[in-house]
């Protein structure tokens, strides 16, 4: 038992920070400038969730489902799994999340009771963080912009944007959409802590904001 106490998070890593962030840089280079299209898609999801017009929200869940599918296939399965054996299971979880998104009612605004103003505005804030602020975190963490993480390309901003969307709108069985993004954010935050990356706080911030807004929204 005392031997286990000597282990740190970095001892459990299968790769170095250089390998991990170089993987992201090459991934971004392979698909550039598709990131700009995905940022535009994230903005569309954001605007659709912000409005209270039901027809404007019809495309939200299909767009999110496509984002989770792309992450599962292109990043987790084809790239991240090459340096981390557990990512094949993560890819399966992301595919499950995409399926749950696809099964959500189309007119999200009519599918459940309206959320509180605090939860709605807080959810929009989380969406802004995931879709528009997240790409800038690479620079804030002292890394190259080539390693920036964008919605639909990378899991963290996709999970964060999804959490914000679920908070901002109401739909039947929407609670089913929360566990996988929350678990991923926890895993990613611990991984970034082990890598000693300055952006490790971001996934944990998404978790805390989601839980606080969920609890506040019930009052």
Protein backbone atom coordinates (compact mmCIF):
# COMPACT_ATOMS: atom_id res chain seq x y z
CA UNK A 1 0.00 0.00 0.00
CA UNK A 2 2.83 2.39 0.86
CA UNK A 3 4.31 1.74 -2.59
CA UNK A 4 1.14 2.99 -4.30
CA UNK A 5 1.35 6.19 -2.28
CA UNK A 6 4.61 7.04 -4.05
CA UNK A 7 2.94 7.21 -7.47
CA UNK A 8 1.90 10.52 -9.03
CA UNK A 9 -0.38 11.30 -11.97
CA UNK A 10 2.61 11.65 -14.27
CA UNK A 11 3.66 8.07 -13.47
CA UNK A 12 0.42 6.84 -15.06
CA UNK A 13 0.99 8.65 -18.36
CA UNK A 14 1.85 6.70 -21.49
CA UNK A 15 3.32 9.69 -23.35
CA UNK A 16 5.19 12.93 -22.83
CA UNK A 17 3.75 16.44 -23.19
CA UNK A 18 5.79 16.87 -26.38
CA UNK A 19 4.26 13.74 -27.95
CA UNK A 20 0.71 14.70 -26.95
CA UNK A 21 0.76 18.28 -28.18
CA UNK A 22 2.68 17.37 -31.32
CA UNK A 23 -0.14 14.91 -32.05
CA UNK A 24 -2.65 17.76 -31.81
CA UNK A 25 -0.53 20.03 -34.00
CA UNK A 26 -0.29 17.44 -36.77
CA UNK A 27 -4.00 16.73 -36.49
CA UNK A 28 -4.79 20.42 -36.91
CA UNK A 29 -2.43 20.68 -39.87
CA UNK A 30 -4.10 17.71 -41.56
CA UNK A 31 -7.52 19.37 -41.49
CA UNK A 32 -6.78 23.08 -41.79
CA UNK A 33 -8.86 25.19 -42.55
CA UNK A 34 -11.76 22.91 -41.53
CA UNK A 35 -11.44 24.34 -38.02
CA UNK A 36 -12.95 27.60 -39.27
CA UNK A 37 -16.02 25.72 -40.51
CA UNK A 38 -16.39 24.00 -37.15
CA UNK A 39 -16.07 27.30 -35.27
CA UNK A 40 -18.86 28.65 -37.49
CA UNK A 41 -20.91 25.55 -36.63
CA UNK A 42 -20.29 26.14 -32.93
CA UNK A 43 -21.45 29.74 -33.35
CA UNK A 44 -24.63 28.47 -35.04
CA UNK A 45 -25.29 26.13 -32.11
CA UNK A 46 -24.66 29.01 -29.71
CA UNK A 47 -27.05 31.40 -31.47
CA UNK A 48 -29.70 28.67 -31.81
CA UNK A 49 -29.52 27.87 -28.11
CA UNK A 50 -29.57 31.54 -27.12
CA UNK A 51 -32.83 32.24 -28.93
CA UNK A 52 -36.12 31.07 -27.48
CA UNK A 53 -37.64 30.48 -30.92
CA UNK A 54 -38.27 26.69 -31.18
CA UNK A 55 -37.67 26.52 -34.94
CA UNK A 56 -34.22 28.00 -34.53
CA UNK A 57 -33.24 25.11 -32.26
CA UNK A 58 -34.06 22.24 -34.59
CA UNK A 59 -30.47 21.83 -35.82
CA UNK A 60 -28.80 21.90 -32.38
CA UNK A 61 -28.71 18.21 -31.58
CA UNK A 62 -27.85 17.01 -35.11
CA UNK A 63 -24.89 19.42 -35.17
CA UNK A 64 -23.71 18.25 -31.76
CA UNK A 65 -24.11 14.61 -32.79
CA UNK A 66 -21.94 15.24 -35.86
CA UNK A 67 -19.29 16.93 -33.69
CA UNK A 68 -19.11 13.97 -31.29
CA UNK A 69 -18.95 11.55 -34.19
CA UNK A 70 -16.07 13.43 -35.82
CA UNK A 71 -14.12 13.54 -32.53
CA UNK A 72 -14.65 9.84 -31.94
CA UNK A 73 -13.51 8.84 -35.39
CA UNK A 74 -10.80 11.26 -36.41
CA UNK A 75 -9.10 12.15 -33.13
CA UNK A 76 -9.78 9.43 -30.55
CA UNK A 77 -9.84 6.37 -32.77
CA UNK A 78 -7.40 7.23 -35.56
CA UNK A 79 -4.88 9.32 -33.59
CA UNK A 80 -5.12 9.39 -29.79
CA UNK A 81 -5.55 5.60 -29.58
CA UNK A 82 -2.09 5.23 -31.11
CA UNK A 83 -0.50 6.56 -27.90
CA UNK A 84 -3.18 5.61 -25.34
CA UNK A 85 -4.86 2.18 -25.37
CA UNK A 86 -7.89 3.50 -23.44
CA UNK A 87 -8.94 5.82 -26.24
CA UNK A 88 -10.58 3.01 -28.17
CA UNK A 89 -13.07 2.78 -25.30
CA UNK A 90 -13.36 6.57 -25.18
CA UNK A 91 -14.18 6.56 -28.90
CA UNK A 92 -17.00 4.09 -28.21
CA UNK A 93 -18.33 6.40 -25.48
CA UNK A 94 -18.23 9.34 -27.88
CA UNK A 95 -20.14 7.33 -30.47
CA UNK A 96 -22.73 6.54 -27.81
CA UNK A 97 -22.99 10.24 -27.00
CA UNK A 98 -23.49 11.02 -30.69
CA UNK A 99 -26.32 8.47 -30.78
CA UNK A 100 -27.96 10.00 -27.73
CA UNK A 101 -27.76 13.39 -29.39
CA UNK A 102 -29.31 12.06 -32.58
CA UNK A 103 -32.22 10.58 -30.62
CA UNK A 104 -33.08 13.86 -28.90
CA UNK A 105 -36.29 15.61 -30.01
CA UNK A 106 -35.73 17.90 -32.96
CA UNK A 107 -37.59 20.94 -31.68
CA UNK A 108 -35.62 21.19 -28.47
CA UNK A 109 -37.41 24.27 -27.30
CA UNK A 110 -40.77 22.46 -27.25
CA UNK A 111 -39.57 19.18 -25.78
CA UNK A 112 -39.51 20.08 -22.10
CA UNK A 113 -40.21 22.74 -19.47
CA UNK A 114 -38.31 26.01 -19.86
CA UNK A 115 -35.15 26.38 -17.81
CA UNK A 116 -34.57 29.20 -15.36
CA UNK A 117 -33.05 32.46 -16.57
CA UNK A 118 -29.91 31.82 -14.49
CA UNK A 119 -29.40 28.35 -15.94
CA UNK A 120 -30.09 29.55 -19.47
CA UNK A 121 -27.65 32.44 -19.30
CA UNK A 122 -25.07 30.35 -17.45
CA UNK A 123 -25.38 27.66 -20.10
CA UNK A 124 -24.78 30.22 -22.83
CA UNK A 125 -21.67 31.33 -20.93
CA UNK A 126 -20.37 27.76 -20.80
CA UNK A 127 -21.08 27.41 -24.52
CA UNK A 128 -19.13 30.60 -25.23
CA UNK A 129 -16.22 29.24 -23.25
CA UNK A 130 -16.25 25.90 -25.05
CA UNK A 131 -16.79 27.16 -28.58
CA UNK A 132 -15.03 30.53 -28.78
CA UNK A 133 -12.63 30.83 -25.82
CA UNK A 134 -11.21 27.30 -25.82
CA UNK A 135 -9.17 27.80 -29.04
CA UNK A 136 -7.32 30.64 -27.30
CA UNK A 137 -6.27 28.56 -24.29
CA UNK A 138 -3.24 27.19 -26.12
CA UNK A 139 -1.71 30.68 -26.21
CA UNK A 140 -2.65 31.33 -22.58
CA UNK A 141 -0.93 28.07 -21.63
CA UNK A 142 2.22 29.14 -23.46
CA UNK A 143 1.79 26.74 -26.36
CA UNK A 144 1.70 27.32 -30.08
CA UNK A 145 -1.58 28.27 -31.72
CA UNK A 146 -1.03 25.18 -33.87
CA UNK A 147 -2.12 23.12 -30.85
CA UNK A 148 -5.36 25.08 -30.39
CA UNK A 149 -8.42 22.96 -29.60
CA UNK A 150 -11.64 23.72 -31.47
CA UNK A 151 -15.21 22.49 -31.30
CA UNK A 152 -15.83 19.22 -33.21
CA UNK A 153 -12.10 18.78 -33.81
CA UNK A 154 -11.13 18.11 -30.19
CA UNK A 155 -13.01 16.44 -27.31
CA UNK A 156 -12.60 19.12 -24.61
CA UNK A 157 -14.31 22.06 -26.36
CA UNK A 158 -16.91 19.68 -27.81
CA UNK A 159 -17.76 18.31 -24.36
CA UNK A 160 -17.79 21.78 -22.81
CA UNK A 161 -20.03 23.22 -25.52
CA UNK A 162 -22.39 20.27 -25.10
CA UNK A 163 -22.63 20.81 -21.35
CA UNK A 164 -23.49 24.45 -21.93
CA UNK A 165 -26.13 23.52 -24.51
CA UNK A 166 -27.85 21.06 -22.19
CA UNK A 167 -27.88 23.71 -19.48
CA UNK A 168 -29.25 26.41 -21.78
CA UNK A 169 -32.16 24.46 -23.25
CA UNK A 170 -34.65 21.93 -22.01
CA UNK A 171 -35.44 18.63 -23.69
CA UNK A 172 -36.80 15.24 -22.77
CA UNK A 173 -34.18 12.94 -21.24
CA UNK A 174 -31.60 15.74 -21.41
CA UNK A 175 -29.94 14.37 -18.27
CA UNK A 176 -28.73 11.45 -20.42
CA UNK A 177 -26.49 13.88 -22.28
CA UNK A 178 -24.50 14.94 -19.20
CA UNK A 179 -22.54 11.91 -17.85
CA UNK A 180 -20.19 11.29 -20.79
CA UNK A 181 -19.11 14.96 -21.20
CA UNK A 182 -18.62 15.29 -17.43
CA UNK A 183 -16.55 12.11 -17.19
CA UNK A 184 -14.47 13.15 -20.19
CA UNK A 185 -13.77 16.59 -18.69
CA UNK A 186 -12.62 14.94 -15.46
CA UNK A 187 -10.34 12.56 -17.35
CA UNK A 188 -8.93 15.30 -19.55
CA UNK A 189 -8.33 17.62 -16.61
CA UNK A 190 -6.36 14.91 -14.78
CA UNK A 191 -4.37 14.16 -17.94
CA UNK A 192 -3.46 17.82 -18.40
CA UNK A 193 -2.50 18.04 -14.72
CA UNK A 194 -0.19 15.09 -15.21
CA UNK A 195 1.27 16.82 -18.26
CA UNK A 196 1.73 19.94 -16.11
CA UNK A 197 -0.13 22.00 -18.70
CA UNK A 198 -1.31 25.45 -17.65
CA UNK A 199 -4.71 24.82 -19.25
CA UNK A 200 -5.58 21.94 -16.93
CA UNK A 201 -8.06 24.14 -15.05
CA UNK A 202 -10.38 24.48 -18.05
CA UNK A 203 -12.08 21.03 -17.99
CA UNK A 204 -12.54 21.27 -14.22
CA UNK A 205 -14.07 24.74 -14.62
CA UNK A 206 -16.60 23.28 -17.07
CA UNK A 207 -17.54 20.57 -14.55
CA UNK A 208 -17.93 23.00 -11.66
CA UNK A 209 -19.96 25.48 -13.71
CA UNK A 210 -22.28 22.71 -14.90
CA UNK A 211 -22.92 21.30 -11.43
CA UNK A 212 -23.43 24.75 -9.88
CA UNK A 213 -25.89 25.79 -12.58
CA UNK A 214 -27.77 22.50 -12.33
CA UNK A 215 -28.20 22.93 -8.58
CA UNK A 216 -29.04 26.64 -8.85
CA UNK A 217 -31.56 25.96 -11.61
CA UNK A 218 -33.62 23.73 -9.33
CA UNK A 219 -34.29 26.46 -6.77
